[in-house]
Amino acid sequence: MDVQPSLSNDGPQKVAQACAEAMWAGDQASQGLGMVVERVSPGEAVISMTIRPDMTNGHGICHGGFIFTLADSAFAFACNTYNQRTVAQHCAVTFLQPARRGDKLTAHAVERNRLGRSGIYDVTIRDGKGEVVAEFRGHSRTIAGTLLGPETDQDTQ
């Protein structure tokens, strides 16, 4: 995984980094789309992806599903930085302008609130010029299990 090192050496940062590495190892979808984890810290993630020709739709622009997937991956990495398995409960995206073939999109996910088993995360997707392409909001829910350490029968439920 190509995760840029953090300037922070504290415990929560190390846990966030280890969780990102564990998730990345099994994330065939993000890897297959050419995503790169640029940075991860507790409650935050930055992931990029370059729009390939096979990601464009009949209008010649990036298919919205790929933009949503990039945002969803950033959301997933941000909400899984605490060594508690967490999944999406609800997500919504607003597309603001098209992305085009060759554009490098960057999704920056930020935790807004986390309480109990629920969390809210906002993701801003920008193109290579820094212009906002889409805004995404994800609601997370923790499930049984952790990302680090041995799996148990309970972790697979």
C-alpha atoms as a PDB file:
ATOM      1  CA  MET A   1       0.000   0.000   0.000  1.00  0.00           C
ATOM      2  CA  ASP A   2       1.318   3.416  -0.901  1.00  0.00           C
ATOM      3  CA  VAL A   3       0.402   5.389   2.226  1.00  0.00           C
ATOM      4  CA  GLN A   4       2.482   8.474   2.832  1.00  0.00           C
ATOM      5  CA  PRO A   5       4.137   8.541   6.274  1.00  0.00           C
ATOM      6  CA  SER A   6       2.623  10.807   8.880  1.00  0.00           C
ATOM      7  CA  LEU A   7       4.528  13.387  10.873  1.00  0.00           C
ATOM      8  CA  SER A   8       2.821  12.077  14.004  1.00  0.00           C
ATOM      9  CA  ASN A   9       4.300   9.116  15.865  1.00  0.00           C
ATOM     10  CA  ASP A  10       1.646   8.869  18.574  1.00  0.00           C
ATOM     11  CA  GLY A  11      -0.401   5.743  19.296  1.00  0.00           C
ATOM     12  CA  PRO A  12      -3.670   6.734  17.559  1.00  0.00           C
ATOM     13  CA  GLN A  13      -1.779   7.532  14.348  1.00  0.00           C
ATOM     14  CA  LYS A  14      -0.022   4.162  14.432  1.00  0.00           C
ATOM     15  CA  VAL A  15      -3.353   2.393  14.952  1.00  0.00           C
ATOM     16  CA  ALA A  16      -4.927   4.354  12.079  1.00  0.00           C
ATOM     17  CA  GLN A  17      -2.005   3.478   9.796  1.00  0.00           C
ATOM     18  CA  ALA A  18      -2.106  -0.218  10.759  1.00  0.00           C
ATOM     19  CA  CYS A  19      -5.875  -0.328  10.174  1.00  0.00           C
ATOM     20  CA  ALA A  20      -5.437   1.249   6.721  1.00  0.00           C
ATOM     21  CA  GLU A  21      -2.779  -1.302   5.816  1.00  0.00           C
ATOM     22  CA  ALA A  22      -5.001  -4.177   6.994  1.00  0.00           C
ATOM     23  CA  MET A  23      -7.967  -2.855   5.003  1.00  0.00           C
ATOM     24  CA  TRP A  24      -5.891  -2.177   1.885  1.00  0.00           C
ATOM     25  CA  ALA A  25      -4.572  -5.746   1.857  1.00  0.00           C
ATOM     26  CA  GLY A  26      -8.075  -7.068   1.142  1.00  0.00           C
ATOM     27  CA  ASP A  27      -9.575  -4.156  -0.796  1.00  0.00           C
ATOM     28  CA  GLN A  28      -9.568  -5.518  -4.333  1.00  0.00           C
ATOM     29  CA  ALA A  29     -12.142  -2.947  -5.494  1.00  0.00           C
ATOM     30  CA  SER A  30     -10.068   0.129  -4.607  1.00  0.00           C
ATOM     31  CA  GLN A  31      -6.869  -1.478  -5.837  1.00  0.00           C
ATOM     32  CA  GLY A  32      -8.491  -2.565  -9.103  1.00  0.00           C
ATOM     33  CA  LEU A  33      -9.643   0.977  -9.810  1.00  0.00           C
ATOM     34  CA  GLY A  34      -6.108   2.286  -9.326  1.00  0.00           C
ATOM     35  CA  MET A  35      -6.784   4.169  -6.113  1.00  0.00           C
ATOM     36  CA  VAL A  36      -3.889   5.354  -3.966  1.00  0.00           C
ATOM     37  CA  VAL A  37      -4.145   5.962  -0.231  1.00  0.00           C
ATOM     38  CA  GLU A  38      -2.337   9.274   0.118  1.00  0.00           C
ATOM     39  CA  ARG A  39      -2.789   9.814   3.846  1.00  0.00           C
ATOM     40  CA  VAL A  40      -4.633   8.367   6.835  1.00  0.00           C
ATOM     41  CA  SER A  41      -5.019   9.660  10.381  1.00  0.00           C
ATOM     42  CA  PRO A  42      -7.657   9.057  13.078  1.00  0.00           C
ATOM     43  CA  GLY A  43     -11.029   9.894  11.517  1.00  0.00           C
ATOM     44  CA  GLU A  44      -9.537  11.127   8.257  1.00  0.00           C
ATOM     45  CA  ALA A  45      -8.347   9.739   4.921  1.00  0.00           C
ATOM     46  CA  VAL A  46      -7.202  11.090   1.563  1.00  0.00           C
ATOM     47  CA  ILE A  47      -7.434   8.793  -1.463  1.00  0.00           C
ATOM     48  CA  SER A  48      -6.799   9.596  -5.127  1.00  0.00           C
ATOM     49  CA  MET A  49      -7.692   7.987  -8.441  1.00  0.00           C
ATOM     50  CA  THR A  50      -7.023   8.885 -12.070  1.00  0.00           C
ATOM     51  CA  ILE A  51      -9.992   8.607 -14.434  1.00  0.00           C
ATOM     52  CA  ARG A  52      -9.267   5.997 -17.099  1.00  0.00           C
ATOM     53  CA  PRO A  53     -11.056   5.767 -20.469  1.00  0.00           C
ATOM     54  CA  ASP A  54     -13.059   2.754 -19.240  1.00  0.00           C
ATOM     55  CA  MET A  55     -14.483   4.931 -16.437  1.00  0.00           C
ATOM     56  CA  THR A  56     -16.278   7.320 -18.796  1.00  0.00           C
ATOM     57  CA  ASN A  57     -19.960   7.181 -19.682  1.00  0.00           C
ATOM     58  CA  GLY A  58     -21.934   7.881 -22.853  1.00  0.00           C
ATOM     59  CA  HIS A  59     -21.447  11.629 -22.350  1.00  0.00           C
ATOM     60  CA  GLY A  60     -17.664  11.235 -22.407  1.00  0.00           C
ATOM     61  CA  ILE A  61     -17.323  12.203 -18.734  1.00  0.00           C
ATOM     62  CA  CYS A  62     -16.530  10.149 -15.670  1.00  0.00           C
ATOM     63  CA  HIS A  63     -19.395   7.859 -14.690  1.00  0.00           C
ATOM     64  CA  GLY A  64     -20.813   9.056 -11.368  1.00  0.00           C
ATOM     65  CA  GLY A  65     -20.531   5.573  -9.908  1.00  0.00           C
ATOM     66  CA  PHE A  66     -16.735   5.807 -10.018  1.00  0.00           C
ATOM     67  CA  ILE A  67     -16.772   9.172  -8.250  1.00  0.00           C
ATOM     68  CA  PHE A  68     -19.116   7.709  -5.634  1.00  0.00           C
ATOM     69  CA  THR A  69     -16.818   4.676  -5.233  1.00  0.00           C
ATOM     70  CA  LEU A  70     -13.776   6.895  -4.688  1.00  0.00           C
ATOM     71  CA  ALA A  71     -15.652   8.871  -2.032  1.00  0.00           C
ATOM     72  CA  ASP A  72     -16.967   5.677  -0.441  1.00  0.00           C
ATOM     73  CA  SER A  73     -13.453   4.246  -0.222  1.00  0.00           C
ATOM     74  CA  ALA A  74     -12.133   7.410   1.450  1.00  0.00           C
ATOM     75  CA  PHE A  75     -15.100   7.263   3.842  1.00  0.00           C
ATOM     76  CA  ALA A  76     -14.347   3.604   4.612  1.00  0.00           C
ATOM     77  CA  PHE A  77     -10.692   4.262   5.357  1.00  0.00           C
ATOM     78  CA  ALA A  78     -11.554   7.264   7.565  1.00  0.00           C
ATOM     79  CA  CYS A  79     -14.163   5.492   9.669  1.00  0.00           C
ATOM     80  CA  ASN A  80     -12.022   2.364  10.111  1.00  0.00           C
ATOM     81  CA  THR A  81      -9.093   4.129  11.806  1.00  0.00           C
ATOM     82  CA  TYR A  82      -9.982   3.094  15.356  1.00  0.00           C
ATOM     83  CA  ASN A  83      -9.520  -0.701  15.064  1.00  0.00           C
ATOM     84  CA  GLN A  84     -13.264  -1.273  15.154  1.00  0.00           C
ATOM     85  CA  ARG A  85     -14.817  -2.799  12.047  1.00  0.00           C
ATOM     86  CA  THR A  86     -17.128  -0.167  10.595  1.00  0.00           C
ATOM     87  CA  VAL A  87     -19.418  -0.196   7.566  1.00  0.00           C
ATOM     88  CA  ALA A  88     -21.608   2.276   5.708  1.00  0.00           C
ATOM     89  CA  GLN A  89     -25.137   2.668   6.999  1.00  0.00           C
ATOM     90  CA  HIS A  90     -26.204   5.409   4.578  1.00  0.00           C
ATOM     91  CA  CYS A  91     -24.425   7.507   1.955  1.00  0.00           C
ATOM     92  CA  ALA A  92     -25.404  10.360  -0.344  1.00  0.00           C
ATOM     93  CA  VAL A  93     -23.493  12.216  -3.016  1.00  0.00           C
ATOM     94  CA  THR A  94     -24.065  15.495  -4.813  1.00  0.00           C
ATOM     95  CA  PHE A  95     -22.291  15.877  -8.152  1.00  0.00           C
ATOM     96  CA  LEU A  96     -21.287  19.489  -8.793  1.00  0.00           C
ATOM     97  CA  GLN A  97     -19.329  19.318 -12.037  1.00  0.00           C
ATOM     98  CA  PRO A  98     -18.054  16.614 -14.361  1.00  0.00           C
ATOM     99  CA  ALA A  99     -14.723  14.868 -14.116  1.00  0.00           C
ATOM    100  CA  ARG A 100     -12.997  13.920 -17.340  1.00  0.00           C
ATOM    101  CA  ARG A 101     -10.709  11.218 -18.639  1.00  0.00           C
ATOM    102  CA  GLY A 102      -7.196  11.757 -17.293  1.00  0.00           C
ATOM    103  CA  ASP A 103      -8.327  13.845 -14.311  1.00  0.00           C
ATOM    104  CA  LYS A 104      -6.724  12.872 -11.034  1.00  0.00           C
ATOM    105  CA  LEU A 105      -9.475  13.023  -8.429  1.00  0.00           C
ATOM    106  CA  THR A 106      -8.707  13.317  -4.733  1.00  0.00           C
ATOM    107  CA  ALA A 107     -11.241  12.438  -2.040  1.00  0.00           C
ATOM    108  CA  HIS A 108     -10.686  13.913   1.421  1.00  0.00           C
ATOM    109  CA  ALA A 109     -12.815  12.263   4.109  1.00  0.00           C
ATOM    110  CA  VAL A 110     -13.227  13.954   7.496  1.00  0.00           C
ATOM    111  CA  GLU A 111     -15.043  12.695  10.561  1.00  0.00           C
ATOM    112  CA  ARG A 112     -17.725  15.130  11.702  1.00  0.00           C
ATOM    113  CA  ASN A 113     -19.174  13.183  14.610  1.00  0.00           C
ATOM    114  CA  ARG A 114     -18.665   9.753  16.164  1.00  0.00           C
ATOM    115  CA  LEU A 115     -20.718   8.599  19.112  1.00  0.00           C
ATOM    116  CA  GLY A 116     -21.395   5.039  20.214  1.00  0.00           C
ATOM    117  CA  ARG A 117     -21.750   2.853  17.153  1.00  0.00           C
ATOM    118  CA  SER A 118     -22.574   5.685  14.727  1.00  0.00           C
ATOM    119  CA  GLY A 119     -20.517   8.253  12.869  1.00  0.00           C
ATOM    120  CA  ILE A 120     -20.926  10.955  10.250  1.00  0.00           C
ATOM    121  CA  TYR A 121     -18.221  11.700   7.674  1.00  0.00           C
ATOM    122  CA  ASP A 122     -17.988  14.298   4.934  1.00  0.00           C
ATOM    123  CA  VAL A 123     -15.945  13.676   1.795  1.00  0.00           C
ATOM    124  CA  THR A 124     -14.955  16.363  -0.699  1.00  0.00           C
ATOM    125  CA  ILE A 125     -13.809  15.172  -4.127  1.00  0.00           C
ATOM    126  CA  ARG A 126     -11.594  17.568  -6.069  1.00  0.00           C
ATOM    127  CA  ASP A 127     -10.031  17.445  -9.500  1.00  0.00           C
ATOM    128  CA  GLY A 128      -6.376  18.165 -10.263  1.00  0.00           C
ATOM    129  CA  LYS A 129      -7.070  21.916 -10.406  1.00  0.00           C
ATOM    130  CA  GLY A 130      -8.503  21.831  -6.884  1.00  0.00           C
ATOM    131  CA  GLU A 131     -12.078  22.385  -8.041  1.00  0.00           C
ATOM    132  CA  VAL A 132     -14.810  20.536  -6.169  1.00  0.00           C
ATOM    133  CA  VAL A 133     -16.353  17.804  -8.307  1.00  0.00           C
ATOM    134  CA  ALA A 134     -18.674  16.298  -5.685  1.00  0.00           C
ATOM    135  CA  GLU A 135     -19.617  16.296  -2.005  1.00  0.00           C
ATOM    136  CA  PHE A 136     -20.439  13.064  -0.199  1.00  0.00           C
ATOM    137  CA  ARG A 137     -21.823  12.382   3.274  1.00  0.00           C
ATOM    138  CA  GLY A 138     -21.562   8.969   4.847  1.00  0.00           C
ATOM    139  CA  HIS A 139     -23.154   7.591   7.987  1.00  0.00           C
ATOM    140  CA  SER A 140     -21.195   4.744   9.555  1.00  0.00           C
ATOM    141  CA  ARG A 141     -22.086   1.913  11.907  1.00  0.00           C
ATOM    142  CA  THR A 142     -19.646  -0.241  13.831  1.00  0.00           C
ATOM    143  CA  ILE A 143     -20.052  -4.012  13.660  1.00  0.00           C
ATOM    144  CA  ALA A 144     -18.493  -6.877  15.580  1.00  0.00           C
ATOM    145  CA  GLY A 145     -14.757  -7.366  15.342  1.00  0.00           C
ATOM    146  CA  THR A 146     -11.534  -5.486  14.875  1.00  0.00           C
ATOM    147  CA  LEU A 147      -9.187  -4.955  11.947  1.00  0.00           C
ATOM    148  CA  LEU A 148      -6.028  -5.837  13.827  1.00  0.00           C
ATOM    149  CA  GLY A 149      -5.348  -9.107  15.559  1.00  0.00           C
ATOM    150  CA  PRO A 150      -6.707 -12.625  15.122  1.00  0.00           C
ATOM    151  CA  GLU A 151     -10.145 -13.234  13.649  1.00  0.00           C
ATOM    152  CA  THR A 152     -12.748 -15.013  15.754  1.00  0.00           C
ATOM    153  CA  ASP A 153     -16.093 -16.557  14.887  1.00  0.00           C
ATOM    154  CA  GLN A 154     -17.775 -13.417  16.257  1.00  0.00           C
ATOM    155  CA  ASP A 155     -15.774 -11.240  13.838  1.00  0.00           C
ATOM    156  CA  THR A 156     -17.427 -12.888  10.831  1.00  0.00           C
ATOM    157  CA  GLN A 157     -20.990 -12.182  11.956  1.00  0.00           C
END
